[in-house]
Protein backbone atom coordinates (compact mmCIF):
# COMPACT_ATOMS: atom_id res chain seq x y z
CA MET A 1 -11.85 0.38 7.41
CA ARG A 2 -12.31 -3.23 6.45
CA LYS A 3 -15.87 -4.18 7.36
CA TYR A 4 -15.98 -7.75 6.23
CA ILE A 5 -13.42 -9.41 8.42
CA VAL A 6 -13.40 -13.15 8.91
CA PHE A 7 -11.94 -14.00 12.29
CA PHE A 8 -8.74 -15.85 11.82
CA CYS A 9 -5.35 -16.02 13.37
CA ALA A 10 -3.71 -13.44 11.33
CA ILE A 11 -0.38 -12.38 12.29
CA PRO A 12 2.55 -10.37 12.62
CA ALA A 13 5.20 -12.92 12.13
CA LEU A 14 8.26 -14.28 13.67
CA LEU A 15 10.94 -16.22 15.08
CA ALA A 16 13.00 -15.91 18.18
CA LEU A 17 11.30 -17.53 21.13
CA PHE A 18 12.04 -14.65 23.42
CA THR A 19 11.87 -11.16 21.97
CA PRO A 20 11.94 -8.06 24.17
CA ALA A 21 8.95 -5.76 23.82
CA ILE A 22 9.44 -2.76 21.54
CA SER A 23 9.94 0.54 23.31
CA ALA A 24 9.28 4.02 21.99
CA LYS A 25 12.98 4.76 22.25
CA GLY A 26 14.13 2.10 19.82
CA GLN A 27 14.73 -1.57 19.25
CA PRO A 28 17.29 -4.02 20.55
CA ARG A 29 20.22 -4.57 18.22
CA ARG A 30 19.14 -8.03 17.05
CA GLU A 31 15.72 -6.63 16.12
CA ARG A 32 17.31 -3.84 14.09
CA MET A 33 19.32 -6.53 12.35
CA ALA A 34 16.11 -8.42 11.59
CA GLY A 35 14.81 -5.36 9.78
CA ALA A 36 18.01 -5.01 7.78
CA GLU A 37 17.97 -8.69 6.86
CA PHE A 38 14.34 -8.46 5.76
CA LYS A 39 15.16 -5.50 3.52
CA LYS A 40 18.07 -7.39 2.02
CA ALA A 41 15.84 -10.38 1.26
CA ASN A 42 13.04 -8.26 -0.21
CA SER A 43 14.54 -5.04 -1.51
CA ALA A 44 11.37 -3.39 -2.92
CA GLN A 45 13.53 -1.17 -5.10
CA ARG A 46 10.43 0.31 -6.75
CA PRO A 47 6.83 0.87 -5.63
CA TYR A 48 4.70 -2.12 -6.54
CA MET A 49 1.95 -1.98 -9.16
CA GLY A 50 -1.23 -4.03 -9.39
CA TRP A 51 -4.87 -4.32 -8.36
CA SER A 52 -6.73 -4.80 -5.06
CA SER A 53 -10.10 -6.47 -4.58
CA TRP A 54 -11.44 -4.31 -1.75
CA SER A 55 -12.84 -1.25 -3.52
CA PHE A 56 -14.79 -3.18 -6.13
CA LEU A 57 -15.56 -6.52 -4.44
CA ARG A 58 -15.42 -5.50 -0.75
CA GLY A 59 -15.43 -8.66 1.40
CA LYS A 60 -16.85 -11.03 -1.20
CA PRO A 61 -14.05 -12.11 -3.52
CA ASN A 62 -14.03 -15.52 -5.17
CA ALA A 63 -11.84 -17.36 -7.65
CA ALA A 64 -13.98 -16.57 -10.69
CA LYS A 65 -14.13 -12.86 -9.93
CA ILE A 66 -10.41 -12.64 -9.19
CA LYS A 67 -9.48 -14.51 -12.37
CA ALA A 68 -11.71 -12.24 -14.44
CA GLN A 69 -9.76 -9.21 -13.17
CA ALA A 70 -6.43 -11.00 -13.56
CA ARG A 71 -7.07 -11.87 -17.19
CA ILE A 72 -7.58 -8.20 -18.01
CA MET A 73 -4.46 -7.23 -16.11
CA ALA A 74 -2.36 -9.84 -17.88
CA ALA A 75 -3.65 -8.79 -21.29
CA ARG A 76 -3.77 -5.00 -20.97
CA LEU A 77 -1.81 -3.80 -17.93
CA LEU A 78 1.06 -6.22 -17.35
CA PRO A 79 3.12 -4.64 -20.17
CA TYR A 80 3.06 -1.38 -18.18
CA GLY A 81 4.21 -2.98 -14.92
CA TYR A 82 0.94 -3.85 -13.16
CA ARG A 83 1.54 -7.29 -11.70
CA TYR A 84 0.12 -7.88 -8.21
CA ILE A 85 -3.38 -9.28 -7.74
CA ASN A 86 -4.13 -8.62 -4.08
CA ILE A 87 -7.07 -10.42 -2.50
CA ASP A 88 -8.24 -8.33 0.42
CA ALA A 89 -10.66 -9.33 3.21
CA GLY A 90 -12.92 -12.28 2.50
CA TRP A 91 -10.57 -15.03 1.34
CA VAL A 92 -10.33 -16.77 4.75
CA GLY A 93 -12.74 -19.56 5.65
CA GLY A 94 -11.48 -20.43 9.13
CA PHE A 95 -8.22 -22.00 10.24
CA ASP A 96 -6.50 -25.35 10.08
CA ARG A 97 -5.77 -27.68 13.03
CA TYR A 98 -2.69 -25.60 13.88
CA GLY A 99 -4.53 -22.30 13.96
CA ARG A 100 -3.24 -21.04 10.61
CA PRO A 101 -5.58 -19.17 8.23
CA ALA A 102 -7.28 -21.44 5.71
CA ALA A 103 -8.92 -20.44 2.45
CA ASN A 104 -12.69 -20.38 2.05
CA LEU A 105 -13.00 -23.36 -0.29
CA LYS A 106 -16.48 -22.40 -1.41
CA ARG A 107 -15.05 -19.19 -2.80
CA PHE A 108 -11.63 -20.58 -3.73
CA PRO A 109 -12.00 -24.31 -4.48
CA GLU A 110 -8.32 -24.72 -5.31
CA GLY A 111 -7.22 -22.82 -2.23
CA MET A 112 -4.63 -20.09 -2.23
CA ALA A 113 -1.94 -22.42 -3.56
CA GLY A 114 -4.09 -23.06 -6.60
CA MET A 115 -4.78 -19.36 -7.04
CA ALA A 116 -1.08 -18.54 -6.77
CA ALA A 117 -0.17 -21.17 -9.36
CA TRP A 118 -2.80 -19.84 -11.77
CA LEU A 119 -1.64 -16.23 -11.37
CA HIS A 120 2.02 -17.14 -11.69
CA ALA A 121 1.25 -18.98 -14.94
CA HIS A 122 -0.15 -15.68 -16.25
CA GLY A 123 2.92 -13.69 -15.19
CA LEU A 124 1.18 -12.18 -12.15
CA LYS A 125 1.71 -12.27 -8.38
CA LEU A 126 -0.63 -13.14 -5.50
CA GLY A 127 -1.31 -10.93 -2.50
CA ILE A 128 -3.38 -11.87 0.57
CA TYR A 129 -4.87 -9.98 3.51
CA LEU A 130 -4.28 -10.53 7.24
CA VAL A 131 -4.70 -8.78 10.58
CA PRO A 132 -2.48 -9.18 13.65
CA GLY A 133 -3.48 -11.24 16.65
CA ILE A 134 -5.30 -14.44 17.59
CA SER A 135 -8.95 -14.51 16.56
CA PRO A 136 -11.71 -15.27 19.10
CA ALA A 137 -12.57 -18.49 17.26
CA GLU A 138 -9.00 -19.74 17.38
CA TYR A 139 -8.60 -18.72 20.99
CA HIS A 140 -11.78 -20.62 21.88
CA THR A 141 -10.68 -23.72 19.95
CA ASN A 142 -7.21 -23.45 21.51
CA CYS A 143 -5.37 -24.92 18.54
CA GLN A 144 -2.03 -26.55 19.06
CA ILE A 145 0.88 -24.77 17.40
CA TRP A 146 2.66 -26.61 14.59
CA HIS A 147 5.64 -28.66 15.85
CA SER A 148 5.21 -27.26 19.34
CA PRO A 149 3.81 -28.44 22.69
CA TYR A 150 2.07 -25.08 23.14
CA VAL A 151 -1.47 -23.99 22.32
CA ALA A 152 -3.05 -20.71 21.23
CA ARG A 153 -4.13 -19.55 24.68
CA GLU A 154 -0.60 -19.91 26.00
CA ILE A 155 0.88 -17.32 23.63
CA THR A 156 -1.44 -14.37 24.30
CA TYR A 157 -1.61 -11.56 26.82
CA PRO A 158 -4.40 -11.83 29.40
CA SER A 159 -5.81 -8.51 28.13
CA GLY A 160 -5.37 -5.98 25.36
CA SER A 161 -6.51 -6.01 21.75
CA GLY A 162 -4.49 -7.80 19.11
CA ASN A 163 -4.98 -5.01 16.58
CA THR A 164 -6.81 -1.71 15.99
CA LEU A 165 -9.88 -3.56 14.72
CA GLY A 166 -10.83 -4.92 18.13
CA ARG A 167 -13.59 -7.54 17.83
CA GLY A 168 -12.07 -9.85 20.40
CA PHE A 169 -8.68 -10.46 18.78
CA ARG A 170 -6.08 -11.35 21.40
CA LYS A 171 -2.63 -9.78 21.42
CA ILE A 172 0.30 -12.18 21.01
CA ASP A 173 2.95 -12.12 23.74
CA TYR A 174 6.27 -12.89 22.07
CA ARG A 175 7.93 -13.54 25.40
CA LYS A 176 5.88 -16.73 25.60
CA PRO A 177 7.32 -20.00 24.29
CA GLY A 178 5.51 -20.98 21.11
CA ALA A 179 4.60 -17.47 19.97
CA ALA A 180 7.43 -17.16 17.47
CA ALA A 181 6.92 -20.74 16.32
CA TYR A 182 3.26 -20.00 15.58
CA ILE A 183 4.07 -17.01 13.41
CA GLN A 184 6.84 -18.85 11.61
CA SER A 185 4.47 -21.72 10.85
CA CYS A 186 2.05 -19.28 9.25
CA ALA A 187 4.79 -17.61 7.21
CA ASN A 188 6.05 -21.00 6.05
CA LEU A 189 2.55 -21.98 4.98
CA PHE A 190 2.06 -18.83 2.92
CA SER A 191 5.44 -19.32 1.33
CA ARG A 192 4.53 -22.87 0.30
CA TRP A 193 1.31 -21.55 -1.22
CA GLY A 194 3.34 -19.18 -3.37
CA VAL A 195 2.18 -15.92 -1.79
CA ASP A 196 4.07 -12.84 -3.04
CA PHE A 197 2.50 -10.08 -0.94
CA ILE A 198 0.92 -9.73 2.48
CA LYS A 199 -1.17 -6.78 3.54
CA MET A 200 -1.27 -6.55 7.32
CA ASP A 201 -4.30 -4.43 8.20
CA PHE A 202 -5.37 -2.68 11.41
CA VAL A 203 -1.78 -2.24 12.52
CA GLY A 204 -1.19 0.22 15.34
CA PRO A 205 -0.38 2.67 16.63
CA GLY A 206 -2.44 4.35 13.97
CA GLY A 207 -5.78 3.99 12.27
CA GLY A 208 -8.57 1.64 13.17
CA TYR A 209 -11.60 1.81 15.39
CA LYS A 210 -11.98 4.26 18.24
CA GLY A 211 -10.72 2.76 21.46
CA PHE A 212 -8.16 0.52 19.75
CA ARG A 213 -6.00 3.01 17.83
CA ARG A 214 -3.26 2.97 20.47
CA THR A 215 -2.75 -0.77 20.12
CA ASP A 216 0.95 -1.30 19.51
CA ASN A 217 1.75 -3.95 16.90
CA ARG A 218 5.41 -3.12 16.45
CA ASP A 219 6.50 -6.35 18.09
CA ASP A 220 4.25 -8.21 15.64
CA ILE A 221 5.86 -6.51 12.67
CA VAL A 222 9.40 -7.24 13.88
CA HIS A 223 8.57 -10.91 14.08
CA TRP A 224 6.66 -10.89 10.84
CA ALA A 225 9.65 -9.45 8.98
CA ARG A 226 11.93 -12.07 10.52
CA ALA A 227 9.62 -14.94 9.66
CA LEU A 228 9.29 -13.82 6.06
CA ARG A 229 13.05 -13.61 5.77
CA ASN A 230 13.38 -17.14 7.13
CA THR A 231 11.08 -18.58 4.46
CA GLY A 232 13.61 -17.67 1.78
CA ARG A 233 10.82 -16.35 -0.43
CA PRO A 234 10.65 -12.62 -1.26
CA ILE A 235 7.23 -11.58 0.07
CA TRP A 236 6.24 -7.91 0.08
CA LEU A 237 5.02 -6.75 3.51
CA GLU A 238 2.53 -3.87 3.41
CA LEU A 239 1.08 -2.24 6.54
CA SER A 240 -2.31 -0.58 6.92
CA ASN A 241 -3.89 1.77 7.76
CA SER A 242 -3.29 5.44 8.69
CA LEU A 243 -0.16 4.47 10.58
CA SER A 244 1.38 6.75 13.17
CA LEU A 245 3.92 9.18 11.73
CA ARG A 246 5.73 9.06 15.06
CA TYR A 247 7.02 5.60 14.19
CA ALA A 248 7.74 6.21 10.50
CA THR A 249 11.38 5.16 10.87
CA PHE A 250 10.26 1.89 12.40
CA TRP A 251 7.73 1.15 9.64
CA ARG A 252 10.42 1.79 7.07
CA ARG A 253 12.87 -0.54 8.80
CA TYR A 254 10.57 -3.54 8.89
CA ALA A 255 8.11 -3.18 6.01
CA ASN A 256 8.00 -2.44 2.29
CA GLY A 257 5.05 -0.06 2.44
CA TRP A 258 2.73 1.65 4.90
CA ARG A 259 -0.60 3.40 4.51
CA ILE A 260 -0.39 7.03 5.58
CA ASP A 261 -4.15 7.69 5.60
CA ASN A 262 -7.52 6.05 6.13
CA ASP A 263 -9.31 4.23 3.31
CA VAL A 264 -9.74 6.16 0.09
CA GLU A 265 -13.18 4.62 -0.52
CA ALA A 266 -16.34 6.71 -0.11
CA TYR A 267 -18.34 4.32 2.06
CA GLY A 268 -22.11 4.75 1.87
CA SER A 269 -21.77 6.21 -1.62
CA PRO A 270 -22.51 4.58 -4.98
CA TYR A 271 -19.04 5.70 -6.10
CA LEU A 272 -15.63 4.25 -5.37
CA THR A 273 -14.27 7.45 -3.82
CA ASP A 274 -14.79 11.22 -3.69
CA TRP A 275 -12.66 14.36 -3.83
CA LYS A 276 -12.75 14.86 -0.05
CA ASN A 277 -10.85 11.62 0.49
CA ILE A 278 -8.34 12.55 -2.20
CA ARG A 279 -7.81 16.08 -0.87
CA GLN A 280 -6.62 14.85 2.54
CA ARG A 281 -3.66 13.12 0.92
CA PHE A 282 -2.29 16.43 -0.36
CA THR A 283 -2.02 17.53 3.27
CA ASP A 284 -0.54 14.32 4.67
CA ALA A 285 1.87 13.12 1.96
CA PRO A 286 4.55 15.82 2.50
CA LYS A 287 4.88 14.83 6.16
CA TRP A 288 5.98 11.35 5.10
CA SER A 289 8.07 12.23 2.04
CA LYS A 290 11.51 11.74 3.60
CA TYR A 291 10.73 8.17 4.63
CA ALA A 292 10.06 6.85 1.12
CA GLY A 293 12.79 5.28 -0.96
CA PRO A 294 14.16 1.94 -2.16
CA GLY A 295 13.07 -0.65 0.37
CA GLY A 296 9.86 1.05 1.52
CA TRP A 297 7.19 3.40 0.17
CA ASN A 298 4.42 5.68 1.39
CA ASP A 299 1.09 4.09 0.44
CA LEU A 300 -1.72 6.49 -0.53
CA ASP A 301 -4.20 3.59 -0.94
CA SER A 302 -5.74 2.27 -4.15
CA LEU A 303 -6.13 4.26 -7.35
CA GLU A 304 -9.86 4.68 -7.92
CA ILE A 305 -9.38 5.21 -11.64
CA GLY A 306 -10.66 3.15 -14.52
CA ASN A 307 -14.44 3.17 -14.60
CA GLY A 308 -15.18 6.75 -15.61
CA ARG A 309 -17.90 8.57 -13.70
CA SER A 310 -18.55 5.63 -11.40
CA ASP A 311 -15.11 6.27 -9.88
CA GLY A 312 -16.69 9.29 -8.17
CA LEU A 313 -14.21 11.74 -9.69
CA THR A 314 -14.29 14.14 -12.62
CA ARG A 315 -11.91 13.68 -15.53
CA ALA A 316 -9.67 16.41 -14.15
CA GLU A 317 -9.68 14.82 -10.71
CA ARG A 318 -8.76 11.41 -12.07
CA GLN A 319 -5.71 12.86 -13.82
CA THR A 320 -4.83 14.73 -10.62
CA VAL A 321 -5.02 11.52 -8.59
CA MET A 322 -2.59 9.74 -10.90
CA THR A 323 -0.32 12.78 -10.82
CA LEU A 324 -0.26 12.91 -7.02
CA TRP A 325 0.37 9.18 -6.66
CA CYS A 326 3.18 9.22 -9.24
CA ILE A 327 5.08 12.22 -7.88
CA ASN A 328 4.91 10.64 -4.40
CA CYS A 329 6.25 7.35 -5.75
CA ALA A 330 3.32 5.60 -4.11
CA PRO A 331 2.36 2.01 -4.97
CA LEU A 332 0.08 2.05 -8.02
CA TYR A 333 -2.70 -0.45 -7.42
CA LEU A 334 -6.11 -0.07 -8.98
CA GLY A 335 -9.41 -0.51 -7.16
CA SER A 336 -11.72 -0.34 -10.16
CA ASP A 337 -13.42 -3.09 -12.15
CA LEU A 338 -10.85 -3.84 -14.84
CA ARG A 339 -13.49 -5.38 -17.09
CA HIS A 340 -14.93 -1.94 -17.73
CA LEU A 341 -11.91 0.30 -18.23
CA THR A 342 -12.80 3.49 -20.04
CA ARG A 343 -10.58 4.78 -22.85
CA TYR A 344 -9.79 8.03 -21.03
CA ASP A 345 -8.87 6.31 -17.77
CA TYR A 346 -6.86 3.63 -19.54
CA LYS A 347 -4.67 6.33 -21.09
CA ILE A 348 -4.07 7.80 -17.64
CA ILE A 349 -3.05 4.57 -15.93
CA THR A 350 -0.84 3.47 -18.83
CA ASN A 351 1.03 6.73 -19.40
CA ARG A 352 4.59 5.43 -19.49
CA ALA A 353 6.20 8.77 -18.62
CA ALA A 354 4.01 9.19 -15.53
CA ILE A 355 4.67 5.60 -14.45
CA ALA A 356 8.40 6.17 -14.90
CA ILE A 357 8.20 9.11 -12.46
CA ASP A 358 6.56 6.83 -9.90
CA GLN A 359 9.05 4.04 -10.42
CA ALA A 360 12.10 6.33 -10.29
CA GLY A 361 11.57 6.66 -6.54
CA ARG A 362 12.33 10.37 -6.19
CA VAL A 363 9.52 11.88 -4.11
CA ALA A 364 8.29 15.39 -4.91
CA THR A 365 7.33 17.94 -2.26
CA PRO A 366 5.40 21.22 -2.46
CA LEU A 367 7.09 24.60 -2.65
CA SER A 368 4.28 25.87 -0.43
CA GLN A 369 0.85 24.78 0.75
CA SER A 370 -0.31 28.20 1.89
CA THR A 371 -2.87 28.36 -0.95
CA PRO A 372 -4.85 25.81 -2.97
CA HIS A 373 -2.66 26.63 -5.99
CA GLN A 374 0.34 24.40 -5.45
CA ILE A 375 3.63 23.57 -7.14
CA TRP A 376 5.28 20.26 -6.30
CA ARG A 377 8.75 19.47 -7.59
CA VAL A 378 11.74 17.15 -7.35
CA GLN A 379 15.11 17.13 -9.08
CA ASN A 380 15.77 13.90 -10.94
CA ALA A 381 19.00 11.92 -11.01
CA ASN A 382 19.88 13.30 -14.46
CA GLY A 383 19.50 16.94 -13.39
CA THR A 384 16.05 17.45 -14.89
CA TYR A 385 13.00 18.30 -12.79
CA THR A 386 9.60 16.75 -12.37
CA VAL A 387 7.08 19.52 -11.70
CA ALA A 388 3.38 19.20 -10.94
CA LEU A 389 0.91 22.09 -10.81
CA PHE A 390 -2.37 21.71 -8.93
CA ASN A 391 -5.47 23.82 -8.49
CA LEU A 392 -7.14 22.40 -5.39
CA GLY A 393 -9.65 25.23 -5.27
CA ARG A 394 -13.28 25.28 -6.38
CA THR A 395 -12.89 27.74 -9.25
CA PRO A 396 -10.46 28.05 -12.20
CA ALA A 397 -7.16 29.71 -11.35
CA ARG A 398 -3.82 30.50 -12.95
CA VAL A 399 -0.92 28.56 -11.49
CA THR A 400 2.64 29.62 -12.29
CA VAL A 401 6.03 28.11 -11.57
CA ARG A 402 9.20 30.15 -12.12
CA TRP A 403 12.42 28.30 -12.76
CA ARG A 404 14.24 30.27 -10.09
CA GLU A 405 11.87 28.66 -7.58
CA LEU A 406 13.34 25.32 -8.64
CA GLY A 407 16.87 26.53 -8.02
CA PHE A 408 18.17 27.53 -11.46
CA GLN A 409 18.15 30.74 -13.51
CA ALA A 410 18.63 29.35 -17.01
CA ALA A 411 15.96 28.87 -19.60
CA ALA A 412 14.40 25.42 -19.87
CA LYS A 413 12.81 22.99 -22.26
CA VAL A 414 9.46 21.69 -21.03
CA VAL A 415 7.46 18.61 -21.92
CA ASP A 416 3.82 18.22 -20.85
CA ILE A 417 3.59 14.58 -19.77
CA TRP A 418 -0.18 14.24 -20.03
CA GLN A 419 -0.42 15.95 -23.41
CA HIS A 420 2.70 14.24 -24.76
CA LYS A 421 4.12 17.38 -26.30
CA ALA A 422 6.70 20.10 -25.86
CA VAL A 423 5.58 23.37 -24.34
CA ARG A 424 6.45 26.60 -26.17
CA ASN A 425 7.29 29.95 -24.65
CA ALA A 426 8.41 28.56 -21.30
CA LYS A 427 11.94 29.92 -21.12
CA GLN A 428 11.77 31.37 -17.62
CA GLN A 429 8.53 29.95 -16.25
CA PHE A 430 5.44 27.92 -16.97
CA SER A 431 1.94 29.23 -16.39
CA ALA A 432 -1.49 27.73 -17.02
CA VAL A 433 -5.10 28.31 -16.08
CA LEU A 434 -6.29 25.16 -14.35
CA ASN A 435 -9.89 24.23 -13.81
CA SER A 436 -11.06 23.21 -10.35
CA HIS A 437 -9.07 20.19 -9.07
CA ALA A 438 -7.08 20.03 -12.31
CA SER A 439 -3.34 19.50 -12.71
CA ARG A 440 -0.41 19.55 -15.11
CA LEU A 441 2.64 17.32 -14.99
CA LEU A 442 5.88 18.51 -16.55
CA ASN A 443 9.40 17.40 -17.29
CA VAL A 444 11.66 20.47 -17.07
CA VAL A 445 15.15 20.40 -18.60
CA PRO A 446 17.41 23.35 -17.72
CA GLU A 447 19.37 24.71 -20.70
CA HIS A 448 22.83 25.20 -19.22
């Protein structure tokens, strides 16, 4: 969960003055069209790659800290596809006279427009963080909406939380005149700044704080997608966190990515994450696999890889994390301090063959999850197979995959992606003893 939230009017965006509420049964035709138009404007053909400020900086980012990370990314990671610099909670310093989020100028003296220009000059992209709803401060101030006779209090419901965070955020009523205009004004502002990515956090139904998890933000997301389309700028829309699987088709229609679990961070620990938080994703990812593909991707949260032991994972676990993220074609965004990348971790996050699996967009699924010794596989477009072996148990174990389990009887050529070498004696199967939480990642080529 995001602890350091600055109250601001953060949004789910939009346009039409009168939009019917979203029902569990589906969306009106014009809203379905809005989703299709958003996808056309921002195709998200591949999972995005980059870095997020939350894990390392929490709610205290500033321009100097962000630029320090960006310089490393531009110099060492951009050649591998890492491009987005996403500033999570903590960049907002209030709101302007029209109720739109404004940058904290003490932390970001040049504002977000200045930050975007600096990142773009280095070949990178800017991401920012928002939450749906009207903040208590904005509601109290009752800001007038840009180019509208309406004010903030006139576009909200009399009750109900604006998001799954709670904390007094008011839910926007898109049946009210001025509601769509407000969201569009925010989207237009972010577009003028040069924003390339928006993470909308505490979106429901889904994760968040107890008592608010049933909050329904689907109407927000419909409008947000429409407003982004109207700006004419391709802006990636990412939803968070632990979204409801029940509405997976909806998330896919209107967004480019959606978090399937709670935060990966190990809060209260000196480490970025722990194995317990990683392990849950093995259980949840297969449930979402069919919804991922060009246009939208299942988000497993940030990669806590890069800083060695301070990541909170063993060497074997760090390789397993990258393996799981890549075979699920999840967005690859780092949460570590890029100034202190270790040699071992750097090799993991820059393995071109592993990254290519992620970017190919073909999601692997497990043959079975009845034991901790799992085989995940997917057939690639060229007829080869990507195969991952995992030992999720606490003790070493032999894990074996037989080619007939993949659907072919012929012998095969095998390349170990992490060891960068061909595997001998693997004509009918591959078998290896894996240490606790270890993995192998293979490219299997049937010999027809």
